[in-house]
Amino acid sequence: MPLTVIRNRLRRSPLRRIVMSYRHRGIGDADVLLASYPRSGNTWLKSLIASCLLGEPLQNLSDTVNPVIPMVGYHRGTRPLLKNSGRVIKTHEGYRPEYKRAIWVVRDPRDVVMSEYKLEVRSNRCFGTFDEFLQDFIHQRAGGRATWQRHTQSWLDSDLHHSGNVLFIAFEKLRAEPGEQLQRVLEFLDAPYDQSSIAKALEQNSIQMLAERHAAYDRTLGRTIRAEIPAVNRGLSGGWRDQLPPAAVQSIEQQFGDVMERVGYRRSKT
């Protein structure tokens, strides 16, 4: 049995809850979670934040060994970036009670599914058809995480969201007006900034530069990948309109439509 299949089955088992509880140990009240569903702009935003706070871009985009903004579970010993000695920690999990403040990035699931499928194919983790992947995306992710709908609902309905301790960032706005959205993030973090530092961060973290750093990271790992598929797509908003089959659009909207509208994504006209 392939290792990826074994890993995915374990992630769906009750063991995952135990593992995730362990990974979240040590998160404090001063820490801010940088949260999103996968393929929603989280890596780009963490690079922008790091550039503003450190004055230079992240050369290592790894979520597991990055000492600046790592993935939850790899945060012990992470360098505090905030005034109150808080850390910025990345997560793809739904809301958890350990989270006291968060920046939450949301992207249209019709774009997310295309981006995630391309990444899985590129990494040789998916050998089925897009239709098969779509069904897994809608009903239960192969990686063991919640669906986009459950993930999004958990944040929308959280006490954290209702208390104002979550900064909501729409990926589409981040792409359309990155300077303004980055300023909102820095103000939420109570981090020092000026317009020149924001402009420099945007220059240092263009989509092309991010793609190059991803490629360099893949080479250090010796990953077997399909190099013709970029690790970082162009980050388009609404690309699903031209690329996603109508039947796939209908399936996603039937399953996720109510929650999509809660975060501002309209159903397509049929």
Protein backbone atom coordinates (compact mmCIF):
# COMPACT_ATOMS: atom_id res chain seq x y z
CA MET A 1 0.00 0.00 0.00
CA PRO A 2 1.46 3.42 -0.94
CA LEU A 3 2.75 5.52 1.95
CA THR A 4 0.48 8.42 1.03
CA VAL A 5 -2.59 6.19 1.32
CA ILE A 6 -1.48 4.95 4.75
CA ARG A 7 -0.79 8.52 5.89
CA ASN A 8 -4.20 9.74 4.72
CA ARG A 9 -6.00 6.90 6.48
CA LEU A 10 -4.19 7.72 9.70
CA ARG A 11 -5.14 11.38 9.33
CA ARG A 12 -8.80 10.38 9.11
CA SER A 13 -8.60 8.19 12.19
CA PRO A 14 -9.23 9.27 15.80
CA LEU A 15 -5.46 9.37 16.17
CA ARG A 16 -5.44 12.69 14.32
CA ARG A 17 -7.26 14.44 17.17
CA ILE A 18 -4.62 13.30 19.63
CA VAL A 19 -1.80 14.37 17.32
CA MET A 20 -3.32 17.81 16.73
CA SER A 21 -3.81 18.38 20.47
CA TYR A 22 -0.15 17.62 21.00
CA ARG A 23 0.92 19.92 18.16
CA HIS A 24 -1.01 22.82 19.68
CA ARG A 25 0.77 22.60 23.04
CA GLY A 26 2.57 25.78 24.00
CA ILE A 27 0.39 28.28 22.14
CA GLY A 28 -0.03 31.33 24.37
CA ASP A 29 -2.49 34.20 24.67
CA ALA A 30 -0.02 36.60 23.00
CA ASP A 31 0.38 34.44 19.89
CA VAL A 32 -1.49 35.33 16.69
CA LEU A 33 -2.52 32.55 14.33
CA LEU A 34 -2.27 33.15 10.59
CA ALA A 35 -5.12 30.90 9.51
CA SER A 36 -6.61 29.78 6.22
CA TYR A 37 -7.81 26.76 4.35
CA PRO A 38 -5.00 25.39 2.13
CA ARG A 39 -4.24 27.23 -1.14
CA SER A 40 -5.77 30.48 0.07
CA GLY A 41 -2.79 32.85 0.09
CA ASN A 42 -1.46 32.02 3.55
CA THR A 43 2.14 31.51 2.41
CA TRP A 44 2.17 34.77 0.47
CA LEU A 45 0.78 36.72 3.41
CA LYS A 46 3.26 35.21 5.86
CA SER A 47 6.09 36.26 3.52
CA LEU A 48 4.72 39.79 3.36
CA ILE A 49 4.44 39.98 7.14
CA ALA A 50 7.98 38.70 7.62
CA SER A 51 9.34 41.22 5.12
CA CYS A 52 7.67 44.10 6.97
CA LEU A 53 8.73 43.00 10.43
CA LEU A 54 12.25 41.81 9.58
CA GLY A 55 13.09 43.97 6.59
CA GLU A 56 13.81 41.01 4.33
CA PRO A 57 11.77 38.25 2.68
CA LEU A 58 11.61 34.65 3.83
CA GLN A 59 14.19 32.71 1.85
CA ASN A 60 12.98 29.42 3.30
CA LEU A 61 9.27 28.88 2.75
CA SER A 62 9.14 25.63 4.70
CA ASP A 63 6.29 25.43 7.18
CA THR A 64 8.19 22.93 9.33
CA VAL A 65 11.68 24.38 9.77
CA ASN A 66 11.04 28.08 9.22
CA PRO A 67 12.06 29.86 12.45
CA VAL A 68 10.01 33.01 11.72
CA ILE A 69 6.40 31.99 10.94
CA PRO A 70 6.20 28.18 11.10
CA MET A 71 3.25 25.84 10.93
CA VAL A 72 1.52 25.03 14.20
CA GLY A 73 3.26 22.05 15.74
CA TYR A 74 6.66 23.40 14.78
CA HIS A 75 6.32 26.65 16.73
CA ARG A 76 8.36 25.80 19.82
CA GLY A 77 11.37 28.07 19.94
CA THR A 78 9.93 30.37 17.28
CA ARG A 79 11.23 33.92 17.35
CA PRO A 80 8.71 36.38 18.87
CA LEU A 81 7.83 39.06 16.33
CA LEU A 82 5.30 41.11 18.26
CA LYS A 83 5.66 43.80 20.94
CA ASN A 84 4.19 41.61 23.66
CA SER A 85 6.60 38.75 22.79
CA GLY A 86 3.86 37.03 20.84
CA ARG A 87 4.57 34.85 17.84
CA VAL A 88 2.88 34.59 14.46
CA ILE A 89 2.04 30.95 13.77
CA LYS A 90 0.56 29.52 10.60
CA THR A 91 -2.35 27.07 10.66
CA HIS A 92 -4.70 25.37 8.21
CA GLU A 93 -6.91 24.09 11.01
CA GLY A 94 -10.40 25.24 11.75
CA TYR A 95 -10.97 27.33 14.86
CA ARG A 96 -9.67 25.82 18.08
CA PRO A 97 -10.05 27.12 21.66
CA GLU A 98 -6.26 27.47 21.93
CA TYR A 99 -6.47 30.35 19.44
CA LYS A 100 -6.89 33.73 21.17
CA ARG A 101 -6.22 36.06 18.21
CA ALA A 102 -6.04 35.28 14.53
CA ILE A 103 -5.73 36.63 11.02
CA TRP A 104 -8.08 34.53 8.91
CA VAL A 105 -7.70 34.45 5.12
CA VAL A 106 -10.61 33.16 3.04
CA ARG A 107 -10.64 32.30 -0.67
CA ASP A 108 -13.46 31.30 -3.01
CA PRO A 109 -13.67 27.47 -2.86
CA ARG A 110 -14.20 27.34 -6.62
CA ASP A 111 -10.68 28.72 -7.03
CA VAL A 112 -9.30 26.74 -4.11
CA VAL A 113 -10.25 23.37 -5.58
CA MET A 114 -8.44 24.06 -8.85
CA SER A 115 -5.32 25.31 -7.10
CA GLU A 116 -5.22 22.39 -4.71
CA TYR A 117 -5.74 19.82 -7.46
CA LYS A 118 -2.83 21.27 -9.44
CA LEU A 119 -0.59 21.12 -6.38
CA GLU A 120 -1.52 17.51 -5.63
CA VAL A 121 -0.82 16.47 -9.23
CA ARG A 122 2.45 18.43 -9.26
CA SER A 123 3.59 16.68 -6.08
CA ASN A 124 2.60 13.23 -7.40
CA ARG A 125 0.13 12.80 -4.56
CA CYS A 126 -2.92 12.57 -6.80
CA PHE A 127 -3.28 10.15 -9.69
CA GLY A 128 -7.04 10.22 -10.15
CA THR A 129 -9.25 12.43 -12.26
CA PHE A 130 -10.33 15.93 -11.32
CA ASP A 131 -13.90 14.69 -10.82
CA GLU A 132 -12.67 12.17 -8.25
CA PHE A 133 -10.66 14.84 -6.49
CA LEU A 134 -13.65 17.18 -6.52
CA GLN A 135 -15.82 14.67 -4.70
CA ASP A 136 -13.17 14.24 -2.05
CA PHE A 137 -12.83 18.03 -1.75
CA ILE A 138 -16.56 18.48 -1.29
CA HIS A 139 -17.20 15.66 1.13
CA GLN A 140 -13.96 14.96 3.01
CA ARG A 141 -10.43 16.03 2.22
CA ALA A 142 -7.97 13.20 1.66
CA GLY A 143 -5.52 14.89 4.01
CA GLY A 144 -7.89 14.45 6.93
CA ARG A 145 -8.82 18.11 7.46
CA ALA A 146 -12.37 19.37 7.40
CA THR A 147 -14.00 20.44 4.17
CA TRP A 148 -13.86 24.10 3.13
CA GLN A 149 -17.41 24.52 4.43
CA ARG A 150 -16.73 23.08 7.88
CA HIS A 151 -13.45 24.97 8.15
CA THR A 152 -15.11 28.28 7.25
CA GLN A 153 -18.12 27.71 9.50
CA SER A 154 -15.86 26.98 12.46
CA TRP A 155 -14.26 30.42 12.14
CA LEU A 156 -17.48 32.29 11.37
CA ASP A 157 -19.26 30.80 14.38
CA SER A 158 -16.34 31.03 16.80
CA ASP A 159 -16.36 33.14 19.95
CA LEU A 160 -13.10 34.61 18.68
CA HIS A 161 -14.80 35.97 15.58
CA HIS A 162 -17.72 37.41 17.52
CA SER A 163 -15.37 39.12 20.00
CA GLY A 164 -13.47 40.95 17.27
CA ASN A 165 -10.25 39.05 17.82
CA VAL A 166 -10.18 37.73 14.25
CA LEU A 167 -9.10 39.90 11.33
CA PHE A 168 -10.95 38.72 8.23
CA ILE A 169 -8.97 39.00 4.98
CA ALA A 170 -10.52 38.02 1.65
CA PHE A 171 -7.88 36.60 -0.69
CA GLU A 172 -9.46 38.46 -3.57
CA LYS A 173 -8.98 41.79 -1.81
CA LEU A 174 -5.44 40.85 -0.86
CA ARG A 175 -4.67 40.31 -4.56
CA ALA A 176 -6.51 43.43 -5.70
CA GLU A 177 -5.21 45.84 -3.05
CA PRO A 178 -2.25 44.16 -1.29
CA GLY A 179 -0.89 47.35 0.24
CA GLU A 180 -4.15 48.26 1.95
CA GLN A 181 -4.75 44.73 3.23
CA LEU A 182 -1.18 44.37 4.48
CA GLN A 183 -1.59 47.63 6.38
CA ARG A 184 -4.73 46.23 8.05
CA VAL A 185 -2.73 43.16 9.08
CA LEU A 186 0.13 45.19 10.55
CA GLU A 187 -2.30 47.40 12.49
CA PHE A 188 -4.02 44.30 13.87
CA LEU A 189 -0.62 42.99 14.97
CA ASP A 190 0.19 46.40 16.49
CA ALA A 191 3.42 46.25 14.49
CA PRO A 192 5.41 49.30 13.37
CA TYR A 193 5.30 50.10 9.68
CA ASP A 194 5.43 52.87 7.12
CA GLN A 195 4.41 53.01 3.49
CA SER A 196 7.97 52.45 2.30
CA SER A 197 8.26 49.20 4.26
CA ILE A 198 4.96 47.99 2.78
CA ALA A 199 6.07 48.89 -0.74
CA LYS A 200 9.38 47.08 -0.19
CA ALA A 201 7.60 43.98 1.12
CA LEU A 202 5.36 43.86 -1.95
CA GLU A 203 8.39 44.24 -4.22
CA GLN A 204 10.24 41.45 -2.41
CA ASN A 205 7.28 39.06 -2.55
CA SER A 206 5.88 39.20 -6.06
CA ILE A 207 4.18 36.04 -7.27
CA GLN A 208 7.17 35.37 -9.55
CA MET A 209 9.66 35.69 -6.69
CA LEU A 210 7.52 33.49 -4.48
CA ALA A 211 7.45 30.84 -7.22
CA GLU A 212 11.24 30.96 -7.52
CA ARG A 213 11.70 30.49 -3.77
CA HIS A 214 9.25 27.58 -3.82
CA ALA A 215 11.22 25.95 -6.63
CA ALA A 216 14.48 26.41 -4.72
CA TYR A 217 12.89 24.86 -1.64
CA ASP A 218 11.70 21.86 -3.65
CA ARG A 219 15.22 21.32 -4.97
CA THR A 220 16.69 21.23 -1.47
CA LEU A 221 14.30 18.41 -0.59
CA GLY A 222 14.98 16.46 -3.75
CA ARG A 223 11.27 16.15 -4.33
CA THR A 224 9.99 14.23 -7.30
CA ILE A 225 7.66 16.74 -8.84
CA ARG A 226 6.13 17.59 -12.18
CA ALA A 227 8.18 20.67 -12.91
CA GLU A 228 5.88 21.81 -15.71
CA ILE A 229 3.24 22.62 -13.08
CA PRO A 230 4.23 25.69 -11.02
CA ALA A 231 4.18 25.47 -7.22
CA VAL A 232 2.68 28.96 -7.10
CA ASN A 233 -0.08 29.69 -9.56
CA ARG A 234 -0.71 33.20 -10.77
CA GLY A 235 -2.99 33.77 -7.81
CA LEU A 236 -5.93 34.66 -9.98
CA SER A 237 -9.27 35.57 -8.49
CA GLY A 238 -12.28 34.16 -10.28
CA GLY A 239 -10.25 31.92 -12.57
CA TRP A 240 -12.85 29.23 -11.94
CA ARG A 241 -15.23 31.03 -14.33
CA ASP A 242 -13.10 30.04 -17.32
CA GLN A 243 -11.53 26.82 -16.04
CA LEU A 244 -13.98 24.99 -13.80
CA PRO A 245 -16.51 22.74 -15.57
CA PRO A 246 -20.13 23.85 -15.05
CA ALA A 247 -20.99 20.58 -13.34
CA ALA A 248 -18.19 21.14 -10.84
CA VAL A 249 -19.38 24.69 -10.16
CA GLN A 250 -22.88 23.39 -9.54
CA SER A 251 -21.63 20.68 -7.16
CA ILE A 252 -19.59 23.13 -5.08
CA GLU A 253 -22.38 25.69 -4.92
CA GLN A 254 -24.97 23.09 -3.93
CA GLN A 255 -22.78 21.89 -1.08
CA PHE A 256 -21.13 25.13 0.05
CA GLY A 257 -23.42 27.87 -1.29
CA ASP A 258 -24.91 29.11 1.99
CA VAL A 259 -21.51 29.44 3.67
CA MET A 260 -20.00 30.98 0.53
CA GLU A 261 -22.58 33.74 0.69
CA ARG A 262 -21.82 34.37 4.37
CA VAL A 263 -18.26 35.36 3.39
CA GLY A 264 -19.29 37.28 0.29
CA TYR A 265 -19.08 34.78 -2.59
CA ARG A 266 -22.13 34.76 -4.77
CA ARG A 267 -23.51 31.75 -6.53
CA SER A 268 -23.07 31.79 -10.28
CA LYS A 269 -26.07 32.56 -12.45
CA THR A 270 -27.47 29.45 -14.05
